[in-house]
Amino acid sequence: MAEYLASIFGTEKDKVNCSFYFKIGACRHGDRCSRIHNKPTFSQTVLIQNLYHNPQNSAQSADGSHLSTCGSFSVANYSEVELQEHFDNFFEDVFVELEDKYGEIEEMNVCDNLGDHLVGNVYIKFRSEESAEKAVNDLNNRWFNGRPIYAELSPVTDFREACCRQYEVGECTRSGFCNFMHLKPISRELRRELYGRKRGKGGMGGGSGVGSRRSNSRSPGRIKERERERAAARRSSRSPDRRNRERRGRSRSRDMNRSRDRSKSREREGRSGRF
């Protein structure tokens, strides 16, 4: 029975624990959910709730008309390039600030959903649980863009399970109100810049970076060394009988070469008149 309960924990078959909270760290029912939200006491992932305000999802006034601004960014006239630049600036500010203050970030994602429990959520997966705990303790005493920050440890560690697969292929019919994550992508240039910082800092654990490891592994000297190691391993893996057969074959070939050389020398001596 215990094995069965463990196998269904956090799945839709689990009638006690909320599967949505386990997968995405948020539930549309909130505290009113009939199932238990098991909040972790330690985790690598930090959730900052409703931190990003997408200017496309502009707020509405009491009469139903759209407001013309979102913070300092005008939403009256904007292009796709401007929207992407606005998001990239937000992402870079948050990423750099958190990584410099609390520790190395493995992954950071921003939800583009419209549901209250997911809109603007930012998930930061640190390399260590200590960095995540430090970030939560400090961020709940800080403000961002004139609003208090609400941060908590999240059970999410595998974002592939938390994301909407239909959205990734452009087939989600629930649009922004889907209960799975719709992640907003950053530009390729910014991704290379931010995640390439680890290489510049010396990579994981302060050693040589990922880029330098690859270049060293592909250098001509290293390639020749690996070839020699493989050849030695092949020779050592041969059976004694096989090695003996190879030695006998090499000795026979040498004897044949010697006899061939002697016969040639006799022919030359016969043609030259020597006995």
C-alpha atoms as a PDB file:
ATOM      1  CA  MET A   1       0.000   0.000   0.000  1.00  0.00           C
ATOM      2  CA  ALA A   2       2.816   2.389   0.879  1.00  0.00           C
ATOM      3  CA  GLU A   3       4.511   1.718  -2.465  1.00  0.00           C
ATOM      4  CA  TYR A   4       1.280   2.433  -4.330  1.00  0.00           C
ATOM      5  CA  LEU A   5       0.732   5.725  -2.474  1.00  0.00           C
ATOM      6  CA  ALA A   6       4.308   6.735  -3.221  1.00  0.00           C
ATOM      7  CA  SER A   7       3.871   5.907  -6.913  1.00  0.00           C
ATOM      8  CA  ILE A   8       0.771   8.116  -7.307  1.00  0.00           C
ATOM      9  CA  PHE A   9       2.032  11.015  -5.156  1.00  0.00           C
ATOM     10  CA  GLY A  10       1.578  14.294  -6.996  1.00  0.00           C
ATOM     11  CA  THR A  11      -0.305  12.697  -9.903  1.00  0.00           C
ATOM     12  CA  GLU A  12      -3.952  13.082 -10.887  1.00  0.00           C
ATOM     13  CA  LYS A  13      -4.688   9.746  -9.164  1.00  0.00           C
ATOM     14  CA  ASP A  14      -3.624  11.247  -5.839  1.00  0.00           C
ATOM     15  CA  LYS A  15      -6.845  12.265  -4.083  1.00  0.00           C
ATOM     16  CA  VAL A  16      -5.045  13.853  -1.116  1.00  0.00           C
ATOM     17  CA  ASN A  17      -2.266  16.030  -2.568  1.00  0.00           C
ATOM     18  CA  CYS A  18      -2.822  18.661  -5.262  1.00  0.00           C
ATOM     19  CA  SER A  19      -1.160  17.546  -8.504  1.00  0.00           C
ATOM     20  CA  PHE A  20      -1.208  21.045 -10.013  1.00  0.00           C
ATOM     21  CA  TYR A  21       0.619  22.562  -7.067  1.00  0.00           C
ATOM     22  CA  PHE A  22       3.149  19.737  -7.152  1.00  0.00           C
ATOM     23  CA  LYS A  23       3.821  20.239 -10.896  1.00  0.00           C
ATOM     24  CA  ILE A  24       3.662  24.033 -11.303  1.00  0.00           C
ATOM     25  CA  GLY A  25       3.921  25.390  -7.763  1.00  0.00           C
ATOM     26  CA  ALA A  26       0.575  27.178  -8.095  1.00  0.00           C
ATOM     27  CA  CYS A  27      -3.113  26.223  -8.044  1.00  0.00           C
ATOM     28  CA  ARG A  28      -6.071  28.187  -9.377  1.00  0.00           C
ATOM     29  CA  HIS A  29      -8.070  27.315  -6.260  1.00  0.00           C
ATOM     30  CA  GLY A  30      -5.411  28.738  -3.962  1.00  0.00           C
ATOM     31  CA  ASP A  31      -6.083  28.175  -0.257  1.00  0.00           C
ATOM     32  CA  ARG A  32      -9.604  26.980  -1.093  1.00  0.00           C
ATOM     33  CA  CYS A  33      -8.283  23.867  -2.844  1.00  0.00           C
ATOM     34  CA  SER A  34      -9.745  20.645  -1.464  1.00  0.00           C
ATOM     35  CA  ARG A  35      -6.351  18.923  -1.717  1.00  0.00           C
ATOM     36  CA  ILE A  36      -3.179  19.540   0.238  1.00  0.00           C
ATOM     37  CA  HIS A  37      -0.491  21.920  -1.031  1.00  0.00           C
ATOM     38  CA  ASN A  38       2.742  20.437   0.301  1.00  0.00           C
ATOM     39  CA  LYS A  39       5.017  23.467   0.480  1.00  0.00           C
ATOM     40  CA  PRO A  40       8.688  22.409   0.498  1.00  0.00           C
ATOM     41  CA  THR A  41      10.983  23.303   3.371  1.00  0.00           C
ATOM     42  CA  PHE A  42      13.988  23.177   1.041  1.00  0.00           C
ATOM     43  CA  SER A  43      14.254  23.477  -2.742  1.00  0.00           C
ATOM     44  CA  GLN A  44      16.485  24.834  -5.487  1.00  0.00           C
ATOM     45  CA  THR A  45      13.565  26.747  -7.040  1.00  0.00           C
ATOM     46  CA  VAL A  46      12.159  30.086  -5.920  1.00  0.00           C
ATOM     47  CA  LEU A  47       8.777  31.406  -7.077  1.00  0.00           C
ATOM     48  CA  ILE A  48       8.222  35.169  -7.182  1.00  0.00           C
ATOM     49  CA  GLN A  49       4.504  35.720  -7.667  1.00  0.00           C
ATOM     50  CA  ASN A  50       3.099  38.161 -10.259  1.00  0.00           C
ATOM     51  CA  LEU A  51       6.410  39.969 -10.716  1.00  0.00           C
ATOM     52  CA  TYR A  52       6.271  40.587 -14.484  1.00  0.00           C
ATOM     53  CA  HIS A  53       3.617  42.879 -15.945  1.00  0.00           C
ATOM     54  CA  ASN A  54       3.203  42.276 -19.658  1.00  0.00           C
ATOM     55  CA  PRO A  55       2.272  45.563 -21.380  1.00  0.00           C
ATOM     56  CA  GLN A  56       0.135  43.593 -23.844  1.00  0.00           C
ATOM     57  CA  ASN A  57      -2.075  42.543 -20.953  1.00  0.00           C
ATOM     58  CA  SER A  58      -2.802  46.149 -20.036  1.00  0.00           C
ATOM     59  CA  ALA A  59      -5.123  46.799 -17.128  1.00  0.00           C
ATOM     60  CA  GLN A  60      -8.604  48.162 -17.594  1.00  0.00           C
ATOM     61  CA  SER A  61     -10.155  51.172 -15.917  1.00  0.00           C
ATOM     62  CA  ALA A  62     -13.547  51.149 -14.182  1.00  0.00           C
ATOM     63  CA  ASP A  63     -15.392  52.009 -17.397  1.00  0.00           C
ATOM     64  CA  GLY A  64     -13.767  49.089 -19.232  1.00  0.00           C
ATOM     65  CA  SER A  65     -11.343  51.146 -21.329  1.00  0.00           C
ATOM     66  CA  HIS A  66      -7.684  50.118 -21.540  1.00  0.00           C
ATOM     67  CA  LEU A  67      -5.098  52.169 -19.722  1.00  0.00           C
ATOM     68  CA  SER A  68      -2.516  53.681 -22.042  1.00  0.00           C
ATOM     69  CA  THR A  69       0.580  52.901 -20.010  1.00  0.00           C
ATOM     70  CA  CYS A  70       2.092  50.020 -18.129  1.00  0.00           C
ATOM     71  CA  GLY A  71       4.633  51.478 -15.738  1.00  0.00           C
ATOM     72  CA  SER A  72       6.878  53.725 -17.813  1.00  0.00           C
ATOM     73  CA  PHE A  73       6.160  51.769 -21.018  1.00  0.00           C
ATOM     74  CA  SER A  74       3.470  53.051 -23.351  1.00  0.00           C
ATOM     75  CA  VAL A  75       1.144  50.390 -24.711  1.00  0.00           C
ATOM     76  CA  ALA A  76      -0.721  52.679 -27.089  1.00  0.00           C
ATOM     77  CA  ASN A  77       1.702  52.149 -29.965  1.00  0.00           C
ATOM     78  CA  TYR A  78       4.210  49.317 -29.717  1.00  0.00           C
ATOM     79  CA  SER A  79       5.780  46.813 -32.076  1.00  0.00           C
ATOM     80  CA  GLU A  80       6.837  43.219 -31.515  1.00  0.00           C
ATOM     81  CA  VAL A  81      10.464  44.341 -31.366  1.00  0.00           C
ATOM     82  CA  GLU A  82       9.685  46.889 -28.651  1.00  0.00           C
ATOM     83  CA  LEU A  83       7.724  44.337 -26.642  1.00  0.00           C
ATOM     84  CA  GLN A  84      10.593  41.849 -26.830  1.00  0.00           C
ATOM     85  CA  GLU A  85      13.070  44.531 -25.826  1.00  0.00           C
ATOM     86  CA  HIS A  86      10.865  45.494 -22.867  1.00  0.00           C
ATOM     87  CA  PHE A  87      10.751  41.863 -21.696  1.00  0.00           C
ATOM     88  CA  ASP A  88      14.488  41.312 -22.275  1.00  0.00           C
ATOM     89  CA  ASN A  89      15.293  44.360 -20.128  1.00  0.00           C
ATOM     90  CA  PHE A  90      13.091  43.043 -17.313  1.00  0.00           C
ATOM     91  CA  PHE A  91      14.563  39.523 -17.551  1.00  0.00           C
ATOM     92  CA  GLU A  92      18.152  40.779 -17.562  1.00  0.00           C
ATOM     93  CA  ASP A  93      17.603  43.093 -14.567  1.00  0.00           C
ATOM     94  CA  VAL A  94      16.092  40.310 -12.445  1.00  0.00           C
ATOM     95  CA  PHE A  95      18.538  37.590 -13.532  1.00  0.00           C
ATOM     96  CA  VAL A  96      21.692  39.641 -12.956  1.00  0.00           C
ATOM     97  CA  GLU A  97      20.475  41.048  -9.641  1.00  0.00           C
ATOM     98  CA  LEU A  98      19.547  37.636  -8.208  1.00  0.00           C
ATOM     99  CA  GLU A  99      22.619  35.797  -9.461  1.00  0.00           C
ATOM    100  CA  ASP A 100      25.027  38.453  -8.193  1.00  0.00           C
ATOM    101  CA  LYS A 101      23.370  38.609  -4.755  1.00  0.00           C
ATOM    102  CA  TYR A 102      22.363  35.020  -4.008  1.00  0.00           C
ATOM    103  CA  GLY A 103      24.276  32.588  -6.197  1.00  0.00           C
ATOM    104  CA  GLU A 104      24.466  30.854  -9.556  1.00  0.00           C
ATOM    105  CA  ILE A 105      21.202  30.417 -11.466  1.00  0.00           C
ATOM    106  CA  GLU A 106      20.671  27.263 -13.504  1.00  0.00           C
ATOM    107  CA  GLU A 107      17.366  28.305 -15.053  1.00  0.00           C
ATOM    108  CA  MET A 108      14.915  31.207 -14.926  1.00  0.00           C
ATOM    109  CA  ASN A 109      11.430  31.210 -16.474  1.00  0.00           C
ATOM    110  CA  VAL A 110       8.630  33.752 -16.725  1.00  0.00           C
ATOM    111  CA  CYS A 111       4.983  32.763 -17.172  1.00  0.00           C
ATOM    112  CA  ASP A 112       2.959  34.444 -19.926  1.00  0.00           C
ATOM    113  CA  ASN A 113      -0.357  33.058 -18.637  1.00  0.00           C
ATOM    114  CA  LEU A 114      -3.373  35.231 -17.805  1.00  0.00           C
ATOM    115  CA  GLY A 115      -4.795  33.245 -14.872  1.00  0.00           C
ATOM    116  CA  ASP A 116      -4.433  34.973 -11.504  1.00  0.00           C
ATOM    117  CA  HIS A 117      -2.380  32.141 -10.047  1.00  0.00           C
ATOM    118  CA  LEU A 118       0.186  32.188 -12.886  1.00  0.00           C
ATOM    119  CA  VAL A 119       0.204  35.669 -14.443  1.00  0.00           C
ATOM    120  CA  GLY A 120       3.669  37.208 -14.300  1.00  0.00           C
ATOM    121  CA  ASN A 121       5.109  34.423 -12.122  1.00  0.00           C
ATOM    122  CA  VAL A 122       8.904  34.182 -12.194  1.00  0.00           C
ATOM    123  CA  TYR A 123      10.594  30.860 -11.366  1.00  0.00           C
ATOM    124  CA  ILE A 124      14.300  30.890 -10.520  1.00  0.00           C
ATOM    125  CA  LYS A 125      16.134  27.594 -10.153  1.00  0.00           C
ATOM    126  CA  PHE A 126      19.416  28.124  -8.307  1.00  0.00           C
ATOM    127  CA  ARG A 127      22.317  25.735  -8.361  1.00  0.00           C
ATOM    128  CA  SER A 128      22.096  25.165  -4.596  1.00  0.00           C
ATOM    129  CA  GLU A 129      19.279  24.981  -2.065  1.00  0.00           C
ATOM    130  CA  GLU A 130      21.197  27.350   0.208  1.00  0.00           C
ATOM    131  CA  SER A 131      21.097  30.072  -2.456  1.00  0.00           C
ATOM    132  CA  ALA A 132      17.345  29.605  -2.886  1.00  0.00           C
ATOM    133  CA  GLU A 133      16.700  29.809   0.862  1.00  0.00           C
ATOM    134  CA  LYS A 134      18.817  32.945   1.155  1.00  0.00           C
ATOM    135  CA  ALA A 135      16.944  34.552  -1.759  1.00  0.00           C
ATOM    136  CA  VAL A 136      13.507  33.845  -0.244  1.00  0.00           C
ATOM    137  CA  ASN A 137      14.457  35.220   3.149  1.00  0.00           C
ATOM    138  CA  ASP A 138      15.792  38.435   1.644  1.00  0.00           C
ATOM    139  CA  LEU A 139      13.356  39.038  -1.227  1.00  0.00           C
ATOM    140  CA  ASN A 140      10.281  39.108   1.008  1.00  0.00           C
ATOM    141  CA  ASN A 141      11.711  42.286   2.531  1.00  0.00           C
ATOM    142  CA  ARG A 142      12.224  44.008  -0.819  1.00  0.00           C
ATOM    143  CA  TRP A 143      10.156  45.907  -3.375  1.00  0.00           C
ATOM    144  CA  PHE A 144      10.142  45.881  -7.172  1.00  0.00           C
ATOM    145  CA  ASN A 145       8.636  48.551  -9.419  1.00  0.00           C
ATOM    146  CA  GLY A 146       6.826  50.123  -6.465  1.00  0.00           C
ATOM    147  CA  ARG A 147       5.267  46.834  -5.255  1.00  0.00           C
ATOM    148  CA  PRO A 148       6.276  44.398  -2.500  1.00  0.00           C
ATOM    149  CA  ILE A 149       7.845  41.103  -3.561  1.00  0.00           C
ATOM    150  CA  TYR A 150       6.219  37.807  -2.559  1.00  0.00           C
ATOM    151  CA  ALA A 151       8.703  34.943  -2.807  1.00  0.00           C
ATOM    152  CA  GLU A 152       8.493  31.323  -1.680  1.00  0.00           C
ATOM    153  CA  LEU A 153      10.221  28.004  -2.233  1.00  0.00           C
ATOM    154  CA  SER A 154       8.604  26.026  -5.043  1.00  0.00           C
ATOM    155  CA  PRO A 155       8.338  22.244  -5.538  1.00  0.00           C
ATOM    156  CA  VAL A 156       8.988  22.672  -9.276  1.00  0.00           C
ATOM    157  CA  THR A 157      12.330  21.273 -10.425  1.00  0.00           C
ATOM    158  CA  ASP A 158      11.466  19.852 -13.864  1.00  0.00           C
ATOM    159  CA  PHE A 159       9.941  22.590 -16.016  1.00  0.00           C
ATOM    160  CA  ARG A 160       9.255  20.153 -18.839  1.00  0.00           C
ATOM    161  CA  GLU A 161       6.509  18.611 -16.710  1.00  0.00           C
ATOM    162  CA  ALA A 162       5.157  22.046 -15.756  1.00  0.00           C
ATOM    163  CA  CYS A 163       4.916  23.457 -19.284  1.00  0.00           C
ATOM    164  CA  CYS A 164       1.996  23.142 -21.670  1.00  0.00           C
ATOM    165  CA  ARG A 165       3.119  20.927 -24.552  1.00  0.00           C
ATOM    166  CA  GLN A 166       0.290  22.113 -26.810  1.00  0.00           C
ATOM    167  CA  TYR A 167       1.405  25.707 -26.338  1.00  0.00           C
ATOM    168  CA  GLU A 168       4.940  24.842 -27.376  1.00  0.00           C
ATOM    169  CA  VAL A 169       3.644  23.625 -30.762  1.00  0.00           C
ATOM    170  CA  GLY A 170       1.054  26.409 -31.062  1.00  0.00           C
ATOM    171  CA  GLU A 171      -2.005  24.218 -30.455  1.00  0.00           C
ATOM    172  CA  CYS A 172      -3.207  25.181 -26.946  1.00  0.00           C
ATOM    173  CA  THR A 173      -6.947  25.926 -27.122  1.00  0.00           C
ATOM    174  CA  ARG A 174      -7.149  27.484 -23.643  1.00  0.00           C
ATOM    175  CA  SER A 175      -4.865  30.374 -24.590  1.00  0.00           C
ATOM    176  CA  GLY A 176      -3.539  32.362 -21.630  1.00  0.00           C
ATOM    177  CA  PHE A 177      -5.974  30.743 -19.187  1.00  0.00           C
ATOM    178  CA  CYS A 178      -4.328  27.326 -19.415  1.00  0.00           C
ATOM    179  CA  ASN A 179      -3.429  25.793 -16.053  1.00  0.00           C
ATOM    180  CA  PHE A 180       0.022  24.764 -17.274  1.00  0.00           C
ATOM    181  CA  MET A 181       2.903  27.155 -17.816  1.00  0.00           C
ATOM    182  CA  HIS A 182       3.148  29.204 -20.998  1.00  0.00           C
ATOM    183  CA  LEU A 183       6.756  30.379 -20.795  1.00  0.00           C
ATOM    184  CA  LYS A 184       7.726  33.666 -22.419  1.00  0.00           C
ATOM    185  CA  PRO A 185      11.007  33.289 -24.341  1.00  0.00           C
ATOM    186  CA  ILE A 186      13.889  35.737 -24.255  1.00  0.00           C
ATOM    187  CA  SER A 187      15.963  36.655 -27.301  1.00  0.00           C
ATOM    188  CA  ARG A 188      18.806  34.377 -28.366  1.00  0.00           C
ATOM    189  CA  GLU A 189      21.359  37.141 -27.879  1.00  0.00           C
ATOM    190  CA  LEU A 190      20.319  37.696 -24.271  1.00  0.00           C
ATOM    191  CA  ARG A 191      20.306  33.954 -23.568  1.00  0.00           C
ATOM    192  CA  ARG A 192      23.877  33.629 -24.822  1.00  0.00           C
ATOM    193  CA  GLU A 193      24.920  36.661 -22.795  1.00  0.00           C
ATOM    194  CA  LEU A 194      23.328  35.619 -19.485  1.00  0.00           C
ATOM    195  CA  TYR A 195      24.010  31.897 -19.506  1.00  0.00           C
ATOM    196  CA  GLY A 196      27.452  32.506 -21.015  1.00  0.00           C
ATOM    197  CA  ARG A 197      28.404  34.420 -17.859  1.00  0.00           C
ATOM    198  CA  LYS A 198      29.117  31.069 -16.194  1.00  0.00           C
ATOM    199  CA  ARG A 199      31.852  30.354 -18.741  1.00  0.00           C
ATOM    200  CA  GLY A 200      33.399  33.741 -18.155  1.00  0.00           C
ATOM    201  CA  LYS A 201      33.386  33.140 -14.409  1.00  0.00           C
ATOM    202  CA  GLY A 202      35.108  29.778 -14.758  1.00  0.00           C
ATOM    203  CA  GLY A 203      32.120  27.463 -15.085  1.00  0.00           C
ATOM    204  CA  MET A 204      30.783  25.097 -12.447  1.00  0.00           C
ATOM    205  CA  GLY A 205      32.729  24.926  -9.215  1.00  0.00           C
ATOM    206  CA  GLY A 206      35.260  27.599 -10.180  1.00  0.00           C
ATOM    207  CA  GLY A 207      37.168  25.352 -12.592  1.00  0.00           C
ATOM    208  CA  SER A 208      37.608  25.857 -16.296  1.00  0.00           C
ATOM    209  CA  GLY A 209      34.464  26.891 -18.113  1.00  0.00           C
ATOM    210  CA  VAL A 210      32.324  24.760 -20.402  1.00  0.00           C
ATOM    211  CA  GLY A 211      33.727  26.446 -23.478  1.00  0.00           C
ATOM    212  CA  SER A 212      37.335  25.913 -22.397  1.00  0.00           C
ATOM    213  CA  ARG A 213      36.670  22.261 -21.569  1.00  0.00           C
ATOM    214  CA  ARG A 214      35.315  21.695 -25.061  1.00  0.00           C
ATOM    215  CA  SER A 215      38.225  23.461 -26.729  1.00  0.00           C
ATOM    216  CA  ASN A 216      40.758  21.465 -24.668  1.00  0.00           C
ATOM    217  CA  SER A 217      39.026  18.185 -25.486  1.00  0.00           C
ATOM    218  CA  ARG A 218      39.178  18.970 -29.208  1.00  0.00           C
ATOM    219  CA  SER A 219      42.832  20.120 -29.359  1.00  0.00           C
ATOM    220  CA  PRO A 220      45.142  18.074 -31.669  1.00  0.00           C
ATOM    221  CA  GLY A 221      47.399  17.006 -28.784  1.00  0.00           C
ATOM    222  CA  ARG A 222      44.448  15.763 -26.751  1.00  0.00           C
ATOM    223  CA  ILE A 223      43.033  13.864 -29.753  1.00  0.00           C
ATOM    224  CA  LYS A 224      46.361  12.083 -30.369  1.00  0.00           C
ATOM    225  CA  GLU A 225      46.636  11.223 -26.699  1.00  0.00           C
ATOM    226  CA  ARG A 226      43.143   9.700 -26.745  1.00  0.00           C
ATOM    227  CA  GLU A 227      43.997   7.682 -29.858  1.00  0.00           C
ATOM    228  CA  ARG A 228      47.089   6.278 -28.141  1.00  0.00           C
ATOM    229  CA  GLU A 229      45.022   5.421 -25.062  1.00  0.00           C
ATOM    230  CA  ARG A 230      42.422   3.609 -27.180  1.00  0.00           C
ATOM    231  CA  ALA A 231      45.126   1.658 -29.045  1.00  0.00           C
ATOM    232  CA  ALA A 232      46.750   0.617 -25.771  1.00  0.00           C
ATOM    233  CA  ALA A 233      43.374  -0.445 -24.393  1.00  0.00           C
ATOM    234  CA  ARG A 234      42.699  -2.549 -27.505  1.00  0.00           C
ATOM    235  CA  ARG A 235      46.083  -4.227 -27.202  1.00  0.00           C
ATOM    236  CA  SER A 236      45.594  -4.973 -23.504  1.00  0.00           C
ATOM    237  CA  SER A 237      42.101  -6.373 -24.141  1.00  0.00           C
ATOM    238  CA  ARG A 238      43.362  -9.015 -26.583  1.00  0.00           C
ATOM    239  CA  SER A 239      43.472 -12.582 -25.269  1.00  0.00           C
ATOM    240  CA  PRO A 240      46.904 -14.331 -24.725  1.00  0.00           C
ATOM    241  CA  ASP A 241      46.102 -16.899 -27.433  1.00  0.00           C
ATOM    242  CA  ARG A 242      45.400 -14.168 -29.913  1.00  0.00           C
ATOM    243  CA  ARG A 243      48.624 -12.349 -29.024  1.00  0.00           C
ATOM    244  CA  ASN A 244      50.592 -15.605 -29.437  1.00  0.00           C
ATOM    245  CA  ARG A 245      49.015 -16.239 -32.831  1.00  0.00           C
ATOM    246  CA  GLU A 246      49.891 -12.712 -33.910  1.00  0.00           C
ATOM    247  CA  ARG A 247      53.516 -13.173 -32.771  1.00  0.00           C
ATOM    248  CA  ARG A 248      53.803 -16.503 -34.664  1.00  0.00           C
ATOM    249  CA  GLY A 249      52.291 -14.881 -37.741  1.00  0.00           C
ATOM    250  CA  ARG A 250      54.779 -12.017 -37.585  1.00  0.00           C
ATOM    251  CA  SER A 251      57.720 -14.417 -37.112  1.00  0.00           C
ATOM    252  CA  ARG A 252      56.590 -16.556 -40.105  1.00  0.00           C
ATOM    253  CA  SER A 253      56.340 -13.477 -42.277  1.00  0.00           C
ATOM    254  CA  ARG A 254      59.872 -12.449 -41.266  1.00  0.00           C
ATOM    255  CA  ASP A 255      61.202 -15.957 -42.105  1.00  0.00           C
ATOM    256  CA  MET A 256      59.490 -15.853 -45.508  1.00  0.00           C
ATOM    257  CA  ASN A 257      61.004 -12.444 -46.205  1.00  0.00           C
ATOM    258  CA  ARG A 258      64.491 -13.721 -45.282  1.00  0.00           C
ATOM    259  CA  SER A 259      64.179 -16.805 -47.538  1.00  0.00           C
ATOM    260  CA  ARG A 260      62.924 -14.617 -50.375  1.00  0.00           C
ATOM    261  CA  ASP A 261      65.914 -12.301 -49.946  1.00  0.00           C
ATOM    262  CA  ARG A 262      68.347 -15.262 -49.955  1.00  0.00           C
ATOM    263  CA  SER A 263      66.860 -16.713 -53.183  1.00  0.00           C
ATOM    264  CA  LYS A 264      67.129 -13.314 -54.869  1.00  0.00           C
ATOM    265  CA  SER A 265      70.749 -12.988 -53.820  1.00  0.00           C
ATOM    266  CA  ARG A 266      71.533 -16.479 -55.274  1.00  0.00           C
ATOM    267  CA  GLU A 267      69.958 -15.526 -58.607  1.00  0.00           C
ATOM    268  CA  ARG A 268      72.046 -12.370 -58.772  1.00  0.00           C
ATOM    269  CA  GLU A 269      75.180 -14.325 -57.962  1.00  0.00           C
ATOM    270  CA  GLY A 270      74.367 -16.933 -60.696  1.00  0.00           C
ATOM    271  CA  ARG A 271      73.878 -14.214 -63.313  1.00  0.00           C
ATOM    272  CA  SER A 272      77.111 -12.552 -62.323  1.00  0.00           C
ATOM    273  CA  GLY A 273      79.105 -15.830 -62.683  1.00  0.00           C
ATOM    274  CA  ARG A 274      79.714 -16.316 -58.997  1.00  0.00           C
ATOM    275  CA  PHE A 275      79.162 -19.712 -57.243  1.00  0.00           C
END
